[in-house]
Amino acid sequence: MKYTKEILAIEAIIFIILWMTNEYMATLITFIAVPIFFAITIISLIAEKIEKSGISGDYFRLMVGLTIVPLVIFSVFHFANSGEYTWLSDN
């Protein structure tokens, strides 16, 4: 893939904006997107090992990046907020 870095940068920007504006939605999307990207990566690797498809390594690097970027951003905001989220508190 030609635009791997750009795709990951756009994903990071979207997640950062989401985390800064709506913690609840960002948490929800992170906890949904990461397992989905991880499962697609694992299934793709298994399928590639069973039968070579000729997919370049860039695809697998992109999928791993799509899994890691939200986790890193979640970790940064989790530690920045000391593990406290506004949507968890009673109003």
N, C-alpha and C. Protein backbone atom coordinates (compact mmCIF):
# COMPACT_ATOMS: atom_id res chain seq x y z
N MET A 1 0.85 -1.18 0.00
CA MET A 1 0.00 0.00 0.00
C MET A 1 0.89 1.23 0.00
N LYS A 2 0.44 2.15 -0.76
CA LYS A 2 1.23 3.35 -0.98
C LYS A 2 1.03 4.40 0.12
N TYR A 3 -0.12 4.39 0.75
CA TYR A 3 -0.46 5.46 1.68
C TYR A 3 -0.60 4.97 3.12
N THR A 4 0.20 4.03 3.54
CA THR A 4 0.08 3.46 4.88
C THR A 4 0.26 4.52 5.96
N LYS A 5 1.31 5.30 5.85
CA LYS A 5 1.58 6.32 6.88
C LYS A 5 0.46 7.37 6.94
N GLU A 6 -0.05 7.75 5.78
CA GLU A 6 -1.11 8.75 5.75
C GLU A 6 -2.39 8.21 6.38
N ILE A 7 -2.71 6.95 6.09
CA ILE A 7 -3.92 6.34 6.67
C ILE A 7 -3.81 6.28 8.19
N LEU A 8 -2.64 5.88 8.69
CA LEU A 8 -2.45 5.80 10.14
C LEU A 8 -2.46 7.19 10.78
N ALA A 9 -1.92 8.19 10.09
CA ALA A 9 -1.94 9.56 10.62
C ALA A 9 -3.37 10.09 10.69
N ILE A 10 -4.16 9.81 9.67
CA ILE A 10 -5.57 10.25 9.66
C ILE A 10 -6.33 9.56 10.79
N GLU A 11 -6.08 8.26 10.97
CA GLU A 11 -6.73 7.54 12.06
C GLU A 11 -6.36 8.15 13.41
N ALA A 12 -5.07 8.46 13.59
CA ALA A 12 -4.62 9.05 14.84
C ALA A 12 -5.28 10.41 15.08
N ILE A 13 -5.36 11.23 14.05
CA ILE A 13 -5.98 12.54 14.19
C ILE A 13 -7.46 12.40 14.56
N ILE A 14 -8.15 11.48 13.92
CA ILE A 14 -9.58 11.27 14.21
C ILE A 14 -9.76 10.81 15.65
N PHE A 15 -8.94 9.87 16.10
CA PHE A 15 -9.07 9.38 17.48
C PHE A 15 -8.71 10.46 18.49
N ILE A 16 -7.70 11.27 18.21
CA ILE A 16 -7.32 12.34 19.14
C ILE A 16 -8.45 13.36 19.25
N ILE A 17 -9.01 13.76 18.12
CA ILE A 17 -10.13 14.70 18.15
C ILE A 17 -11.31 14.10 18.91
N LEU A 18 -11.58 12.84 18.66
CA LEU A 18 -12.69 12.17 19.35
C LEU A 18 -12.44 12.12 20.85
N TRP A 19 -11.21 11.80 21.26
CA TRP A 19 -10.90 11.74 22.68
C TRP A 19 -11.00 13.12 23.33
N MET A 20 -10.67 14.17 22.60
CA MET A 20 -10.72 15.51 23.18
C MET A 20 -12.15 16.05 23.27
N THR A 21 -13.03 15.55 22.42
CA THR A 21 -14.39 16.09 22.40
C THR A 21 -15.41 15.21 23.11
N ASN A 22 -15.26 13.88 23.00
CA ASN A 22 -16.26 12.98 23.56
C ASN A 22 -15.59 11.70 24.05
N GLU A 23 -15.27 11.67 25.33
CA GLU A 23 -14.56 10.52 25.91
C GLU A 23 -15.36 9.23 25.82
N TYR A 24 -16.65 9.33 26.02
CA TYR A 24 -17.48 8.14 25.99
C TYR A 24 -17.46 7.48 24.61
N MET A 25 -17.69 8.27 23.58
CA MET A 25 -17.69 7.74 22.21
C MET A 25 -16.31 7.22 21.84
N ALA A 26 -15.27 7.92 22.25
CA ALA A 26 -13.91 7.49 21.94
C ALA A 26 -13.60 6.15 22.62
N THR A 27 -14.00 5.99 23.86
CA THR A 27 -13.79 4.73 24.56
C THR A 27 -14.56 3.61 23.87
N LEU A 28 -15.78 3.87 23.53
CA LEU A 28 -16.61 2.87 22.88
C LEU A 28 -16.02 2.45 21.53
N ILE A 29 -15.64 3.41 20.72
CA ILE A 29 -15.07 3.09 19.40
C ILE A 29 -13.73 2.37 19.54
N THR A 30 -12.92 2.78 20.52
CA THR A 30 -11.64 2.10 20.74
C THR A 30 -11.86 0.65 21.12
N PHE A 31 -12.79 0.39 22.04
CA PHE A 31 -13.03 -0.98 22.48
C PHE A 31 -13.74 -1.83 21.44
N ILE A 32 -14.31 -1.21 20.42
CA ILE A 32 -14.92 -1.95 19.32
C ILE A 32 -13.91 -2.14 18.17
N ALA A 33 -13.21 -1.06 17.81
CA ALA A 33 -12.33 -1.09 16.63
C ALA A 33 -11.11 -1.97 16.84
N VAL A 34 -10.49 -1.90 18.00
CA VAL A 34 -9.25 -2.65 18.23
C VAL A 34 -9.45 -4.16 18.09
N PRO A 35 -10.45 -4.77 18.73
CA PRO A 35 -10.63 -6.22 18.53
C PRO A 35 -11.00 -6.59 17.09
N ILE A 36 -11.74 -5.72 16.42
CA ILE A 36 -12.10 -6.02 15.03
C ILE A 36 -10.86 -5.99 14.14
N PHE A 37 -10.04 -4.95 14.25
CA PHE A 37 -8.81 -4.89 13.46
C PHE A 37 -7.87 -6.04 13.81
N PHE A 38 -7.78 -6.37 15.10
CA PHE A 38 -6.92 -7.47 15.52
C PHE A 38 -7.41 -8.80 14.94
N ALA A 39 -8.71 -9.04 14.98
CA ALA A 39 -9.26 -10.29 14.44
C ALA A 39 -9.04 -10.38 12.93
N ILE A 40 -9.24 -9.29 12.23
CA ILE A 40 -9.01 -9.29 10.78
C ILE A 40 -7.54 -9.59 10.48
N THR A 41 -6.65 -9.01 11.27
CA THR A 41 -5.21 -9.26 11.07
C THR A 41 -4.88 -10.72 11.30
N ILE A 42 -5.37 -11.31 12.38
CA ILE A 42 -5.08 -12.71 12.69
C ILE A 42 -5.66 -13.64 11.62
N ILE A 43 -6.90 -13.38 11.22
CA ILE A 43 -7.53 -14.21 10.18
C ILE A 43 -6.76 -14.09 8.87
N SER A 44 -6.34 -12.89 8.53
CA SER A 44 -5.56 -12.68 7.30
C SER A 44 -4.23 -13.42 7.35
N LEU A 45 -3.56 -13.37 8.50
CA LEU A 45 -2.28 -14.07 8.64
C LEU A 45 -2.47 -15.58 8.53
N ILE A 46 -3.52 -16.10 9.16
CA ILE A 46 -3.79 -17.55 9.07
C ILE A 46 -4.09 -17.94 7.63
N ALA A 47 -4.93 -17.16 6.95
CA ALA A 47 -5.27 -17.46 5.56
C ALA A 47 -4.03 -17.38 4.67
N GLU A 48 -3.16 -16.43 4.95
CA GLU A 48 -1.93 -16.28 4.16
C GLU A 48 -0.99 -17.47 4.36
N LYS A 49 -0.95 -17.98 5.58
CA LYS A 49 -0.10 -19.15 5.85
C LYS A 49 -0.65 -20.42 5.19
N ILE A 50 -1.97 -20.53 5.14
CA ILE A 50 -2.59 -21.72 4.53
C ILE A 50 -2.39 -21.70 3.02
N GLU A 51 -2.69 -20.56 2.42
CA GLU A 51 -2.56 -20.45 0.97
C GLU A 51 -2.05 -19.05 0.62
N LYS A 52 -0.91 -18.98 -0.01
CA LYS A 52 -0.33 -17.70 -0.40
C LYS A 52 -1.25 -16.97 -1.36
N SER A 53 -1.50 -15.71 -1.05
CA SER A 53 -2.39 -14.92 -1.90
C SER A 53 -1.64 -13.81 -2.63
N GLY A 54 -0.42 -13.57 -2.24
CA GLY A 54 0.36 -12.53 -2.89
C GLY A 54 0.11 -11.14 -2.35
N ILE A 55 -0.56 -11.05 -1.22
CA ILE A 55 -0.78 -9.74 -0.59
C ILE A 55 0.55 -9.25 -0.04
N SER A 56 0.83 -8.00 -0.27
CA SER A 56 2.11 -7.46 0.18
C SER A 56 2.14 -7.32 1.70
N GLY A 57 3.33 -7.20 2.23
CA GLY A 57 3.49 -7.02 3.66
C GLY A 57 2.97 -5.69 4.16
N ASP A 58 2.79 -4.74 3.24
CA ASP A 58 2.24 -3.43 3.63
C ASP A 58 0.84 -3.56 4.21
N TYR A 59 0.06 -4.50 3.68
CA TYR A 59 -1.30 -4.71 4.19
C TYR A 59 -1.24 -5.13 5.66
N PHE A 60 -0.35 -6.06 5.98
CA PHE A 60 -0.25 -6.54 7.35
C PHE A 60 0.30 -5.45 8.27
N ARG A 61 1.24 -4.66 7.79
CA ARG A 61 1.74 -3.54 8.59
C ARG A 61 0.63 -2.52 8.85
N LEU A 62 -0.20 -2.26 7.84
CA LEU A 62 -1.32 -1.34 8.01
C LEU A 62 -2.30 -1.87 9.05
N MET A 63 -2.63 -3.14 8.96
CA MET A 63 -3.59 -3.72 9.90
C MET A 63 -3.05 -3.70 11.33
N VAL A 64 -1.77 -3.98 11.50
CA VAL A 64 -1.17 -3.91 12.84
C VAL A 64 -1.18 -2.47 13.33
N GLY A 65 -0.88 -1.54 12.43
CA GLY A 65 -0.93 -0.11 12.79
C GLY A 65 -2.32 0.34 13.17
N LEU A 66 -3.33 -0.13 12.42
CA LEU A 66 -4.71 0.23 12.74
C LEU A 66 -5.14 -0.32 14.10
N THR A 67 -4.48 -1.38 14.54
CA THR A 67 -4.76 -1.95 15.86
C THR A 67 -4.02 -1.19 16.95
N ILE A 68 -2.77 -0.81 16.69
CA ILE A 68 -1.92 -0.22 17.72
C ILE A 68 -2.23 1.26 17.97
N VAL A 69 -2.52 2.01 16.91
CA VAL A 69 -2.74 3.46 17.06
C VAL A 69 -3.84 3.79 18.07
N PRO A 70 -5.04 3.18 18.00
CA PRO A 70 -6.05 3.50 19.02
C PRO A 70 -5.63 3.08 20.43
N LEU A 71 -4.88 1.98 20.55
CA LEU A 71 -4.41 1.56 21.87
C LEU A 71 -3.44 2.56 22.47
N VAL A 72 -2.55 3.08 21.66
CA VAL A 72 -1.58 4.07 22.15
C VAL A 72 -2.30 5.35 22.56
N ILE A 73 -3.22 5.81 21.74
CA ILE A 73 -3.96 7.04 22.06
C ILE A 73 -4.81 6.83 23.31
N PHE A 74 -5.44 5.67 23.44
CA PHE A 74 -6.20 5.35 24.65
C PHE A 74 -5.29 5.39 25.87
N SER A 75 -4.11 4.81 25.77
CA SER A 75 -3.18 4.78 26.89
C SER A 75 -2.76 6.19 27.29
N VAL A 76 -2.47 7.02 26.31
CA VAL A 76 -2.05 8.40 26.60
C VAL A 76 -3.16 9.16 27.32
N PHE A 77 -4.37 9.09 26.81
CA PHE A 77 -5.48 9.80 27.45
C PHE A 77 -5.87 9.18 28.78
N HIS A 78 -5.71 7.88 28.91
CA HIS A 78 -6.00 7.22 30.18
C HIS A 78 -5.06 7.73 31.28
N PHE A 79 -3.77 7.79 30.97
CA PHE A 79 -2.81 8.28 31.96
C PHE A 79 -2.92 9.79 32.16
N ALA A 80 -3.27 10.52 31.11
CA ALA A 80 -3.44 11.97 31.25
C ALA A 80 -4.62 12.30 32.15
N ASN A 81 -5.65 11.47 32.12
CA ASN A 81 -6.84 11.68 32.95
C ASN A 81 -6.77 10.94 34.27
N SER A 82 -5.65 10.32 34.56
CA SER A 82 -5.46 9.51 35.78
C SER A 82 -6.50 8.40 35.89
N GLY A 83 -6.96 7.90 34.77
CA GLY A 83 -7.92 6.81 34.77
C GLY A 83 -9.33 7.21 35.14
N GLU A 84 -9.59 8.50 35.22
CA GLU A 84 -10.93 8.99 35.57
C GLU A 84 -11.60 9.59 34.33
N TYR A 85 -12.82 9.17 34.10
CA TYR A 85 -13.55 9.65 32.92
C TYR A 85 -14.81 10.37 33.39
N THR A 86 -15.13 11.46 32.70
CA THR A 86 -16.28 12.27 33.10
C THR A 86 -17.59 11.52 32.93
N TRP A 87 -17.68 10.63 31.99
CA TRP A 87 -18.93 9.92 31.74
C TRP A 87 -19.18 8.82 32.77
N LEU A 88 -18.17 8.50 33.60
CA LEU A 88 -18.37 7.50 34.64
C LEU A 88 -18.89 8.10 35.95
N SER A 89 -18.74 9.41 36.11
CA SER A 89 -19.16 10.04 37.36
C SER A 89 -20.64 10.33 37.36
N ASP A 90 -21.22 10.33 38.56
CA ASP A 90 -22.64 10.67 38.70
C ASP A 90 -22.79 12.18 38.65
N ASN A 91 -23.80 12.62 37.94
CA ASN A 91 -24.03 14.07 37.82
C ASN A 91 -25.04 14.54 38.80
